[in-house]
Amino acid sequence: MAPLSGPLALTLAGQGGIRLHAVDGLASADGLRPGMLLADARALCPALTAMQADPTADQAALSRLALWAQRYTPQAATDGPDGLILDITGCAHLCAGEEGLLADLGSRLTRAGLTHHLGLGDGAAAAWGWARHRPASAGPLLPTGTRAWPALLSLPLAALRLDPGLQGDLARVGLRSVGDVQRQPRAGLVARYGTGPVRRLDRMLGITAEPVAPQAATPQWQVRRAFAEPIATREAIEGTVLSLLRDLSARLEAAGRGARRLVLTCFRTDASSQDLPIGTARPLRDPPSLLKLFRERFDQVDPGFGIEMMELTATGTDLFTGEQAGLAVGGGDAFALSGLLDRLVNRLGEDHVGRPVPRDTHRPEQVMELAGEMEGGDFHSLTLPSLTAWAPPSPTVVGEGLEFRPSPALREGEGQNSPPAKPWPKPQPQRPAPSRPRTWRMEGTRPLLLLHPPEPVQMGQGLVWRGRHLSVDWMEGPERIRPDWWRARTGPTRDYYRAQLSDGRRFWLFRTADERGAWYLHGLCA
């Protein structure tokens, strides 16, 4: 298509015929204005080229421009059919001040071939009026506070952004500028023309605020289905979800990505909606597998009087890498574990399923916490602390009493849970050690099962637990575990012992190293 060289105008069907919707600079120089009949415009400018306007495409392009403008501030939004509004409060210093921001914005718009008029004021109404109606010799930057009032009051009446009919009524009584409206008694102005002129005047002068609703980006990975008749059965819902998953999976496959987070939104006929989120341990785009996860949530769907539209959005995606499920040792088990973890997380919740990670503490019941896959990485790197097999000491005949045999590792010291002190080495320059996964470091063996909280017991001629008297063959210890010195009020020091009962069971007990000296059962060994 050959480039246009003459005046150009976009047209739309209007009252009385086809009218001009927008004109370029050449057409404007020939006296053409938006709103003119096309026949009148051709009479004034025979060389005029007229093309059909597309307001929907224009608004979509303006929305994309608003998202681009969020490089300057997150509070950027469209303003009418041909404008943007940016709230740059607290953001101007990132572009060397307000003047630097305006210069950068203007240069980028010019390079993109966009004709623009910039204005910056204390409020959105002041910036709008100054950008469109300021004198040609004035700059885009308004003074702050009341110092901007003289410049704003000198603007024409159109700067108040009133309805065309109301603006014409004010002009007929001689009010042709913002200052003319400001000088009128408010009571009479409101009584005759309503609150519109006064409200717009207060917004322009900064007396009342005008909020800005930032432009929201449309989700990139989203598909939807609208129904001619509302649906309410489980079969219809499941079939629609499978169809949506196939459409979304095709788009993800074309981009080489897989879904990690999916949200199914059901819009009901009563204008309400319901969200059903799911998550996966690794990028996934297999529709049947994802449908299995949604089936865990279908019982929560309340269709009410019917669902008129369903929307599926991938709120989290990741690069999809193919993996071989067969011909490898453990390959099939890895995929089975992935599906199991996905079902558990979506059924029980993210807070109840995770991988164990160590914590910096001495308390045995606090050395491990669960980290979800979004926090700590991959569910499939599950590693558990190695539990050293515990062998009982050499047999000792005890009789009716108890014999305490210190373990060899604890005979020379206090039995603390830290290694023996070594001479402090001189600081030597070293390269930073490579990062490694954190692991548990335990001074002594630990039981397979911890009781939470530890249960109180009575020690004497045997052991009394839950009202039952148990005979103890031997005990080994103590292993002293002190409170975390970097924390406050974490409880007393504990002395732990390993005991074997006459029936073969093995307990992990501790006694508090304080004036009470209370005994507790903390763990059950294999």
Protein backbone atom coordinates (compact mmCIF):
# COMPACT_ATOMS: atom_id res chain seq x y z
CA MET A 1 0.00 0.00 0.00
CA ALA A 2 1.46 3.37 -1.03
CA PRO A 3 1.97 5.89 1.79
CA LEU A 4 -0.58 8.70 2.06
CA SER A 5 0.68 12.17 1.16
CA GLY A 6 -2.41 14.38 1.53
CA PRO A 7 -4.84 15.26 4.34
CA LEU A 8 -6.28 12.27 6.20
CA ALA A 9 -9.43 11.91 8.28
CA LEU A 10 -11.11 9.00 10.03
CA THR A 11 -14.89 8.82 9.83
CA LEU A 12 -17.78 7.31 11.77
CA ALA A 13 -21.52 7.18 11.16
CA GLY A 14 -23.23 9.92 13.16
CA GLN A 15 -26.30 12.11 13.34
CA GLY A 16 -27.18 13.38 9.88
CA GLY A 17 -24.65 11.24 8.03
CA ILE A 18 -21.00 10.29 8.13
CA ARG A 19 -18.91 12.63 10.26
CA LEU A 20 -15.21 13.14 10.87
CA HIS A 21 -13.93 11.27 13.92
CA ALA A 22 -10.25 12.35 13.82
CA VAL A 23 -8.06 14.43 11.49
CA ASP A 24 -4.31 14.73 10.97
CA GLY A 25 -2.21 17.89 10.90
CA LEU A 26 -2.70 18.60 7.20
CA ALA A 27 -6.46 18.26 7.45
CA SER A 28 -6.53 20.45 10.54
CA ALA A 29 -4.53 23.14 8.66
CA ASP A 30 -7.21 23.12 5.96
CA GLY A 31 -9.89 23.95 8.54
CA LEU A 32 -11.27 20.45 9.12
CA ARG A 33 -12.41 19.54 12.62
CA PRO A 34 -13.79 16.36 14.24
CA GLY A 35 -17.59 16.31 14.11
CA MET A 36 -17.91 17.86 10.65
CA LEU A 37 -20.00 16.10 8.04
CA LEU A 38 -17.84 14.29 5.51
CA ALA A 39 -19.63 16.06 2.65
CA ASP A 40 -18.77 19.48 4.13
CA ALA A 41 -15.19 18.38 4.72
CA ARG A 42 -14.75 17.29 1.08
CA ALA A 43 -16.15 20.63 -0.06
CA LEU A 44 -13.45 22.44 1.94
CA CYS A 45 -10.66 19.99 1.09
CA PRO A 46 -11.20 18.02 -2.14
CA ALA A 47 -7.89 16.17 -1.68
CA LEU A 48 -9.06 14.69 1.63
CA THR A 49 -8.57 10.94 2.11
CA ALA A 50 -11.28 9.45 4.38
CA MET A 51 -10.95 6.06 6.08
CA GLN A 52 -13.24 4.16 8.43
CA ALA A 53 -12.32 4.59 12.11
CA ASP A 54 -12.00 1.62 14.49
CA PRO A 55 -12.62 2.89 18.05
CA THR A 56 -12.21 -0.59 19.53
CA ALA A 57 -8.72 -0.99 18.06
CA ASP A 58 -7.84 2.56 19.12
CA GLN A 59 -8.83 1.83 22.73
CA ALA A 60 -6.85 -1.41 22.72
CA ALA A 61 -3.78 0.44 21.43
CA LEU A 62 -4.26 3.13 24.10
CA SER A 63 -4.46 0.44 26.80
CA ARG A 64 -1.19 -1.05 25.59
CA LEU A 65 0.35 2.41 25.69
CA ALA A 66 -0.84 2.82 29.30
CA LEU A 67 0.86 -0.44 30.23
CA TRP A 68 4.03 0.77 28.52
CA ALA A 69 3.81 4.04 30.49
CA GLN A 70 4.02 2.06 33.73
CA ARG A 71 7.77 2.18 33.20
CA TYR A 72 7.51 5.61 34.85
CA THR A 73 4.92 4.86 37.54
CA PRO A 74 2.66 1.94 38.48
CA GLN A 75 -0.26 4.40 38.60
CA ALA A 76 -0.77 4.76 34.83
CA ALA A 77 -4.18 4.51 33.17
CA THR A 78 -6.11 5.49 30.07
CA ASP A 79 -7.96 8.79 30.19
CA GLY A 80 -10.85 9.03 27.75
CA PRO A 81 -10.51 7.94 24.13
CA ASP A 82 -7.23 9.74 23.46
CA GLY A 83 -5.32 10.37 26.68
CA LEU A 84 -3.19 8.89 29.44
CA ILE A 85 -3.01 9.90 33.07
CA LEU A 86 0.11 9.13 35.14
CA ASP A 87 0.33 9.65 38.88
CA ILE A 88 4.10 10.15 39.32
CA THR A 89 4.02 10.89 43.06
CA GLY A 90 7.30 9.59 44.48
CA CYS A 91 8.57 8.43 41.07
CA ALA A 92 9.97 11.57 39.42
CA HIS A 93 13.39 11.24 41.11
CA LEU A 94 13.97 8.04 39.14
CA CYS A 95 14.13 10.15 35.95
CA ALA A 96 16.15 13.08 37.31
CA GLY A 97 13.08 15.03 38.40
CA GLU A 98 9.81 16.07 36.81
CA GLU A 99 11.44 17.89 33.92
CA GLY A 100 13.62 14.88 33.15
CA LEU A 101 10.61 12.57 33.22
CA LEU A 102 8.66 14.80 30.82
CA ALA A 103 11.63 15.06 28.48
CA ASP A 104 12.18 11.31 28.42
CA LEU A 105 8.48 10.58 27.91
CA GLY A 106 8.18 13.14 25.12
CA SER A 107 11.26 11.89 23.27
CA ARG A 108 10.07 8.29 23.38
CA LEU A 109 6.60 9.20 22.09
CA THR A 110 8.16 11.25 19.30
CA ARG A 111 10.40 8.38 18.23
CA ALA A 112 7.31 6.15 18.14
CA GLY A 113 5.62 8.59 15.75
CA LEU A 114 2.89 9.64 18.20
CA THR A 115 1.72 13.25 18.30
CA HIS A 116 1.29 14.26 21.92
CA HIS A 117 0.69 17.15 24.31
CA LEU A 118 2.13 16.87 27.81
CA GLY A 119 1.03 18.62 30.99
CA LEU A 120 2.08 18.16 34.60
CA GLY A 121 0.17 19.53 37.58
CA ASP A 122 -0.79 18.78 41.16
CA GLY A 123 -3.93 16.92 40.08
CA ALA A 124 -5.29 14.97 37.15
CA ALA A 125 -7.84 17.66 36.20
CA ALA A 126 -5.20 20.41 36.20
CA ALA A 127 -2.79 18.32 34.11
CA TRP A 128 -5.56 17.44 31.63
CA GLY A 129 -6.62 21.04 31.09
CA TRP A 130 -3.05 22.35 30.91
CA ALA A 131 -1.94 19.70 28.38
CA ARG A 132 -4.81 20.43 25.98
CA HIS A 133 -5.51 24.14 26.35
CA ARG A 134 -2.36 25.90 27.59
CA PRO A 135 -0.93 28.79 25.56
CA ALA A 136 1.57 27.87 22.85
CA SER A 137 4.33 29.78 24.63
CA ALA A 138 3.81 28.03 27.99
CA GLY A 139 5.77 24.99 29.09
CA PRO A 140 4.20 21.68 30.18
CA LEU A 141 5.13 22.07 33.85
CA LEU A 142 2.70 23.90 36.15
CA PRO A 143 3.79 25.49 39.46
CA THR A 144 2.71 23.74 42.65
CA GLY A 145 -0.06 24.76 45.03
CA THR A 146 -1.92 28.03 44.65
CA ARG A 147 0.86 29.41 42.45
CA ALA A 148 -0.70 27.46 39.58
CA TRP A 149 -4.10 29.16 39.97
CA PRO A 150 -3.42 32.23 37.77
CA ALA A 151 -2.36 29.98 34.86
CA LEU A 152 -5.31 27.62 35.33
CA LEU A 153 -7.89 30.41 35.67
CA SER A 154 -6.74 31.87 32.35
CA LEU A 155 -7.57 28.66 30.47
CA PRO A 156 -10.71 28.50 28.25
CA LEU A 157 -13.91 26.99 29.53
CA ALA A 158 -13.25 23.72 27.65
CA ALA A 159 -10.37 23.03 30.08
CA LEU A 160 -12.96 22.17 32.77
CA ARG A 161 -13.94 19.08 30.75
CA LEU A 162 -17.67 19.70 31.01
CA ASP A 163 -20.41 18.13 28.94
CA PRO A 164 -20.80 19.88 25.55
CA GLY A 165 -24.37 20.94 26.35
CA LEU A 166 -23.43 22.39 29.73
CA GLN A 167 -20.40 24.10 28.25
CA GLY A 168 -22.61 25.73 25.60
CA ASP A 169 -25.08 26.94 28.26
CA LEU A 170 -22.27 28.58 30.25
CA ALA A 171 -20.81 30.17 27.12
CA ARG A 172 -24.19 31.71 26.20
CA VAL A 173 -24.28 33.63 29.50
CA GLY A 174 -20.76 34.98 28.96
CA LEU A 175 -18.68 32.46 30.93
CA ARG A 176 -15.86 31.68 28.53
CA SER A 177 -12.91 30.87 30.82
CA VAL A 178 -12.16 28.98 34.02
CA GLY A 179 -11.71 32.29 35.80
CA ASP A 180 -15.18 33.40 34.77
CA VAL A 181 -16.67 30.35 36.48
CA GLN A 182 -14.50 30.81 39.57
CA ARG A 183 -15.69 34.39 40.06
CA GLN A 184 -19.39 33.46 40.09
CA PRO A 185 -21.28 32.96 43.37
CA ARG A 186 -21.39 29.23 44.01
CA ALA A 187 -24.94 29.11 45.31
CA GLY A 188 -26.39 30.63 42.16
CA LEU A 189 -24.13 28.57 39.91
CA VAL A 190 -25.18 25.31 41.56
CA ALA A 191 -28.85 26.27 41.58
CA ARG A 192 -28.87 26.98 37.85
CA TYR A 193 -26.35 24.52 36.38
CA GLY A 194 -25.99 21.83 39.02
CA THR A 195 -22.82 20.74 40.82
CA GLY A 196 -20.89 19.82 37.65
CA PRO A 197 -19.06 23.14 37.07
CA VAL A 198 -18.19 23.59 40.75
CA ARG A 199 -16.97 20.01 41.13
CA ARG A 200 -14.76 20.21 38.04
CA LEU A 201 -13.39 23.58 39.17
CA ASP A 202 -12.44 22.21 42.62
CA ARG A 203 -10.65 19.26 41.04
CA MET A 204 -8.69 21.52 38.71
CA LEU A 205 -7.60 23.82 41.54
CA GLY A 206 -6.63 20.88 43.76
CA ILE A 207 -9.33 21.52 46.38
CA THR A 208 -10.71 17.98 45.95
CA ALA A 209 -8.81 14.89 44.83
CA GLU A 210 -9.38 12.89 41.67
CA PRO A 211 -8.31 9.24 42.05
CA VAL A 212 -6.52 7.35 39.30
CA ALA A 213 -7.38 3.70 38.57
CA PRO A 214 -4.21 2.10 37.14
CA GLN A 215 -4.44 0.06 33.97
CA ALA A 216 -4.43 -3.69 34.68
CA ALA A 217 -2.56 -5.96 32.32
CA THR A 218 -4.61 -8.68 30.64
CA PRO A 219 -3.33 -12.11 31.67
CA GLN A 220 -1.21 -13.60 28.90
CA TRP A 221 -2.35 -17.19 29.40
CA GLN A 222 -6.11 -17.04 29.60
CA VAL A 223 -8.96 -18.81 27.79
CA ARG A 224 -12.70 -18.57 28.38
CA ARG A 225 -16.02 -20.06 27.33
CA ALA A 226 -19.37 -18.26 27.31
CA PHE A 227 -22.54 -20.39 27.17
CA ALA A 228 -25.76 -19.66 25.31
CA GLU A 229 -27.59 -21.37 28.19
CA PRO A 230 -26.23 -21.59 31.76
CA ILE A 231 -24.78 -24.96 32.82
CA ALA A 232 -25.05 -26.55 36.24
CA THR A 233 -24.20 -30.28 35.96
CA ARG A 234 -20.86 -31.79 36.84
CA GLU A 235 -20.56 -33.45 33.43
CA ALA A 236 -20.97 -30.12 31.62
CA ILE A 237 -18.48 -28.40 33.92
CA GLU A 238 -15.92 -31.17 33.52
CA GLY A 239 -16.28 -31.19 29.73
CA THR A 240 -15.83 -27.42 29.57
CA VAL A 241 -12.75 -27.52 31.78
CA LEU A 242 -11.19 -30.20 29.59
CA SER A 243 -11.86 -28.08 26.49
CA LEU A 244 -10.31 -25.03 28.16
CA LEU A 245 -7.27 -27.04 29.21
CA ARG A 246 -6.73 -28.24 25.65
CA ASP A 247 -6.87 -24.70 24.29
CA LEU A 248 -4.52 -23.38 26.97
CA SER A 249 -2.12 -26.31 26.58
CA ALA A 250 -1.85 -25.64 22.84
CA ARG A 251 -0.84 -22.05 23.53
CA LEU A 252 1.63 -23.11 26.20
CA GLU A 253 3.15 -25.73 23.91
CA ALA A 254 3.64 -23.15 21.16
CA ALA A 255 5.53 -20.96 23.63
CA GLY A 256 7.53 -23.84 25.15
CA ARG A 257 6.07 -23.34 28.62
CA GLY A 258 4.15 -25.33 31.19
CA ALA A 259 1.62 -24.31 33.84
CA ARG A 260 2.53 -24.12 37.52
CA ARG A 261 -0.53 -22.26 38.82
CA LEU A 262 -4.02 -22.38 37.32
CA VAL A 263 -7.19 -20.61 38.40
CA LEU A 264 -10.63 -21.63 37.11
CA THR A 265 -13.22 -18.86 37.51
CA CYS A 266 -16.91 -19.67 37.24
CA PHE A 267 -19.19 -16.68 36.53
CA ARG A 268 -22.74 -17.35 37.67
CA THR A 269 -26.01 -15.86 36.48
CA ASP A 270 -26.44 -13.94 39.77
CA ALA A 271 -23.38 -11.77 38.88
CA SER A 272 -21.13 -13.59 41.37
CA SER A 273 -18.01 -15.66 40.67
CA GLN A 274 -16.07 -18.50 42.26
CA ASP A 275 -12.36 -19.26 41.91
CA LEU A 276 -10.84 -22.77 41.97
CA PRO A 277 -7.02 -22.62 42.10
CA ILE A 278 -4.63 -25.54 41.64
CA GLY A 279 -0.84 -25.84 41.58
CA THR A 280 1.70 -28.30 40.23
CA ALA A 281 5.13 -29.32 41.48
CA ARG A 282 6.69 -28.96 38.03
CA PRO A 283 5.62 -27.34 34.74
CA LEU A 284 2.73 -29.31 33.31
CA ARG A 285 0.52 -28.94 30.23
CA ASP A 286 -1.11 -32.35 29.87
CA PRO A 287 -4.91 -31.73 29.87
CA PRO A 288 -5.93 -35.12 31.40
CA SER A 289 -3.40 -34.74 34.23
CA LEU A 290 -4.52 -31.20 35.00
CA LEU A 291 -8.17 -32.27 34.85
CA LYS A 292 -7.48 -34.83 37.58
CA LEU A 293 -6.30 -32.03 39.85
CA PHE A 294 -9.40 -29.95 39.13
CA ARG A 295 -11.61 -32.95 39.92
CA GLU A 296 -10.40 -32.67 43.50
CA ARG A 297 -12.08 -29.24 43.62
CA PHE A 298 -15.27 -29.87 41.65
CA ASP A 299 -17.16 -30.73 44.84
CA GLN A 300 -16.60 -27.11 45.93
CA VAL A 301 -18.35 -25.67 42.86
CA ASP A 302 -21.69 -24.05 43.66
CA PRO A 303 -23.38 -23.34 40.30
CA GLY A 304 -26.37 -21.63 41.91
CA PHE A 305 -28.89 -20.90 39.16
CA GLY A 306 -26.29 -21.73 36.52
CA ILE A 307 -22.83 -20.82 35.23
CA GLU A 308 -22.88 -18.53 32.21
CA MET A 309 -19.12 -18.28 31.59
CA MET A 310 -15.93 -20.09 32.66
CA GLU A 311 -12.44 -18.63 32.52
CA LEU A 312 -9.15 -20.49 32.90
CA THR A 313 -6.00 -18.48 33.68
CA ALA A 314 -2.44 -19.71 34.12
CA THR A 315 -1.22 -17.31 36.80
CA GLY A 316 2.18 -19.01 36.97
CA THR A 317 4.13 -20.64 34.16
CA ASP A 318 7.66 -21.92 33.67
CA LEU A 319 9.85 -23.22 30.88
CA PHE A 320 8.82 -26.74 29.90
CA THR A 321 11.61 -29.25 29.45
CA GLY A 322 10.86 -32.73 28.19
CA GLU A 323 11.82 -35.64 30.45
CA GLN A 324 12.10 -39.30 29.67
CA ALA A 325 9.74 -41.31 31.83
CA GLY A 326 10.96 -44.73 30.77
CA LEU A 327 14.20 -46.61 30.14
CA ALA A 328 15.74 -45.00 33.21
CA VAL A 329 16.17 -46.22 36.75
CA GLY A 330 13.43 -44.67 38.87
CA GLY A 331 12.02 -42.57 36.01
CA GLY A 332 8.49 -43.82 36.36
CA ASP A 333 8.61 -43.45 40.15
CA ALA A 334 9.60 -39.78 39.79
CA PHE A 335 6.56 -39.03 37.66
CA ALA A 336 4.31 -40.97 40.00
CA LEU A 337 5.68 -38.99 42.95
CA SER A 338 5.01 -35.74 41.06
CA GLY A 339 1.36 -36.66 40.51
CA LEU A 340 0.97 -37.76 44.13
CA LEU A 341 2.43 -34.52 45.46
CA ASP A 342 0.19 -32.45 43.18
CA ARG A 343 -2.90 -34.26 44.44
CA LEU A 344 -1.87 -33.91 48.09
CA VAL A 345 -1.10 -30.21 47.78
CA ASN A 346 -4.37 -29.41 46.02
CA ARG A 347 -6.40 -31.56 48.39
CA LEU A 348 -4.79 -30.63 51.72
CA GLY A 349 -3.44 -27.16 50.96
CA GLU A 350 0.03 -25.75 50.44
CA ASP A 351 0.61 -25.21 54.15
CA HIS A 352 0.26 -28.93 54.91
CA VAL A 353 2.55 -30.41 52.26
CA GLY A 354 6.16 -29.48 51.72
CA ARG A 355 9.71 -30.64 51.88
CA PRO A 356 11.64 -30.68 55.18
CA VAL A 357 14.31 -28.03 55.55
CA PRO A 358 16.55 -27.48 58.57
CA ARG A 359 16.24 -24.56 60.97
CA ASP A 360 18.90 -22.87 63.05
CA THR A 361 17.88 -24.06 66.50
CA HIS A 362 18.96 -26.52 69.18
CA ARG A 363 15.47 -27.68 70.12
CA PRO A 364 14.85 -31.14 68.60
CA GLU A 365 11.18 -30.42 67.96
CA GLN A 366 12.05 -27.30 65.96
CA VAL A 367 15.01 -28.39 63.84
CA MET A 368 12.80 -29.06 60.82
CA GLU A 369 10.07 -27.08 59.07
CA LEU A 370 8.06 -27.65 55.92
CA ALA A 371 8.81 -25.44 52.92
CA GLY A 372 6.45 -25.46 49.97
CA GLU A 373 7.77 -25.88 46.46
CA MET A 374 7.26 -22.19 45.75
CA GLU A 375 9.51 -21.31 48.70
CA GLY A 376 12.26 -23.85 48.66
CA GLY A 377 12.44 -25.18 45.11
CA ASP A 378 11.53 -28.62 43.86
CA PHE A 379 9.46 -31.17 45.71
CA HIS A 380 11.46 -33.88 44.03
CA SER A 381 14.66 -33.01 45.87
CA LEU A 382 13.24 -34.40 49.09
CA THR A 383 16.07 -35.33 51.46
CA LEU A 384 15.66 -36.61 54.96
CA PRO A 385 18.24 -36.58 57.75
CA SER A 386 20.13 -39.80 58.13
CA LEU A 387 19.14 -41.63 61.27
CA THR A 388 22.10 -43.46 62.71
CA ALA A 389 21.20 -46.87 64.03
CA TRP A 390 21.29 -46.88 67.80
CA ALA A 391 22.73 -49.96 69.47
CA PRO A 392 22.24 -50.47 73.22
CA PRO A 393 25.30 -50.48 75.45
CA SER A 394 26.70 -53.62 76.95
CA PRO A 395 24.18 -55.43 79.18
CA THR A 396 24.10 -54.25 82.78
CA VAL A 397 22.18 -55.93 85.57
CA VAL A 398 20.31 -53.18 87.38
CA GLY A 399 17.84 -54.87 89.69
CA GLU A 400 15.16 -52.63 91.12
CA GLY A 401 17.07 -49.36 90.74
CA LEU A 402 18.39 -47.45 87.77
CA GLU A 403 21.96 -47.16 86.64
CA PHE A 404 23.02 -44.08 84.66
CA ARG A 405 25.89 -44.82 82.30
CA PRO A 406 27.33 -41.75 80.54
CA SER A 407 27.98 -42.29 76.88
CA PRO A 408 31.65 -42.31 75.82
CA ALA A 409 31.24 -39.12 73.79
CA LEU A 410 29.97 -37.27 76.87
CA ARG A 411 32.25 -38.48 79.67
CA GLU A 412 34.88 -35.79 79.38
CA GLY A 413 32.66 -32.73 78.96
CA GLU A 414 29.30 -31.43 79.99
CA GLY A 415 27.49 -33.25 77.23
CA GLN A 416 26.46 -30.13 75.36
CA ASN A 417 25.16 -30.36 71.86
CA SER A 418 28.11 -28.39 70.43
CA PRO A 419 31.52 -29.91 69.51
CA PRO A 420 34.46 -29.51 71.92
CA ALA A 421 36.13 -26.14 71.87
CA LYS A 422 39.24 -25.86 69.71
CA PRO A 423 42.00 -23.24 69.68
CA TRP A 424 40.75 -20.17 67.87
CA PRO A 425 42.58 -20.05 64.51
CA LYS A 426 44.02 -16.88 63.12
CA PRO A 427 41.85 -15.35 60.41
CA GLN A 428 43.13 -16.36 57.00
CA PRO A 429 41.94 -14.91 53.69
CA GLN A 430 39.89 -17.54 51.95
CA ARG A 431 37.73 -17.71 48.89
CA PRO A 432 34.03 -17.90 49.55
CA ALA A 433 32.94 -21.50 49.86
CA PRO A 434 30.52 -22.74 47.19
CA SER A 435 26.91 -22.77 48.27
CA ARG A 436 25.63 -26.19 49.33
CA PRO A 437 22.24 -27.43 50.41
CA ARG A 438 21.70 -27.08 54.14
CA THR A 439 21.63 -30.37 56.02
CA TRP A 440 20.93 -31.48 59.55
CA ARG A 441 23.88 -31.80 61.91
CA MET A 442 22.99 -33.79 65.02
CA GLU A 443 25.40 -34.56 67.80
CA GLY A 444 23.53 -37.64 68.93
CA THR A 445 21.08 -40.12 67.50
CA ARG A 446 17.44 -39.12 67.31
CA PRO A 447 14.27 -41.22 67.62
CA LEU A 448 12.03 -41.93 64.67
CA LEU A 449 8.96 -40.43 66.37
CA LEU A 450 8.82 -37.25 68.44
CA LEU A 451 5.89 -36.51 70.75
CA HIS A 452 4.52 -33.01 70.42
CA PRO A 453 4.36 -31.66 73.00
CA PRO A 454 6.63 -33.79 75.22
CA GLU A 455 4.59 -35.72 77.76
CA PRO A 456 5.42 -35.52 81.47
CA VAL A 457 6.52 -38.73 83.22
CA GLN A 458 7.56 -39.68 86.75
CA MET A 459 10.92 -41.28 87.44
CA GLY A 460 11.75 -43.38 90.48
CA GLN A 461 11.71 -47.15 90.81
CA GLY A 462 10.92 -47.34 87.11
CA LEU A 463 8.94 -45.07 84.82
CA VAL A 464 5.31 -43.91 85.16
CA TRP A 465 3.80 -42.78 81.84
CA ARG A 466 0.10 -42.20 81.23
CA GLY A 467 -0.73 -43.79 84.54
CA ARG A 468 1.17 -47.03 83.84
CA HIS A 469 4.28 -48.20 85.67
CA LEU A 470 7.02 -49.38 83.30
CA SER A 471 10.20 -51.21 84.25
CA VAL A 472 13.47 -49.80 82.84
CA ASP A 473 16.42 -52.11 82.10
CA TRP A 474 19.06 -49.45 81.49
CA MET A 475 19.55 -45.82 80.57
CA GLU A 476 22.31 -43.98 78.72
CA GLY A 477 23.18 -40.28 78.81
CA PRO A 478 23.01 -37.44 79.38
CA GLU A 479 23.19 -35.38 76.21
CA ARG A 480 22.81 -31.76 77.23
CA ILE A 481 20.91 -29.47 74.86
CA ARG A 482 20.97 -25.85 75.85
CA PRO A 483 18.49 -23.16 74.73
CA ASP A 484 19.28 -21.05 71.70
CA TRP A 485 21.55 -18.36 73.06
CA TRP A 486 20.52 -15.95 70.28
CA ARG A 487 16.85 -16.13 71.26
CA ALA A 488 15.05 -14.94 74.39
CA ARG A 489 12.90 -17.05 76.72
CA THR A 490 13.25 -20.40 74.99
CA GLY A 491 12.97 -22.56 78.11
CA PRO A 492 15.43 -24.33 80.40
CA THR A 493 18.39 -26.53 79.51
CA ARG A 494 17.51 -30.18 78.88
CA ASP A 495 19.47 -33.35 79.70
CA TYR A 496 18.42 -36.16 77.34
CA TYR A 497 18.65 -39.90 78.11
CA ARG A 498 18.02 -43.00 76.06
CA ALA A 499 16.24 -45.76 77.95
CA GLN A 500 15.22 -49.33 77.15
CA LEU A 501 12.24 -50.91 78.89
CA SER A 502 11.97 -54.50 79.95
CA ASP A 503 9.60 -55.22 77.07
CA GLY A 504 12.17 -53.99 74.51
CA ARG A 505 10.75 -50.57 73.81
CA ARG A 506 13.18 -47.64 73.74
CA PHE A 507 12.31 -44.14 74.93
CA TRP A 508 13.98 -40.77 74.57
CA LEU A 509 13.60 -38.84 77.83
CA PHE A 510 14.84 -35.54 79.12
CA ARG A 511 15.06 -33.82 82.48
CA THR A 512 14.95 -30.04 82.81
CA ALA A 513 18.13 -28.61 84.34
CA ASP A 514 16.36 -26.21 86.71
CA GLU A 515 15.01 -26.21 90.23
CA ARG A 516 12.04 -28.33 89.20
CA GLY A 517 14.00 -31.13 87.52
CA ALA A 518 10.86 -32.40 85.74
CA TRP A 519 11.02 -35.46 83.48
CA TYR A 520 9.42 -35.68 80.04
CA LEU A 521 9.07 -38.34 77.36
CA HIS A 522 9.99 -36.76 74.04
CA GLY A 523 10.48 -39.58 71.55
CA LEU A 524 9.89 -43.24 70.73
CA CYS A 525 12.74 -45.16 69.10
CA ALA A 526 12.43 -48.05 66.70
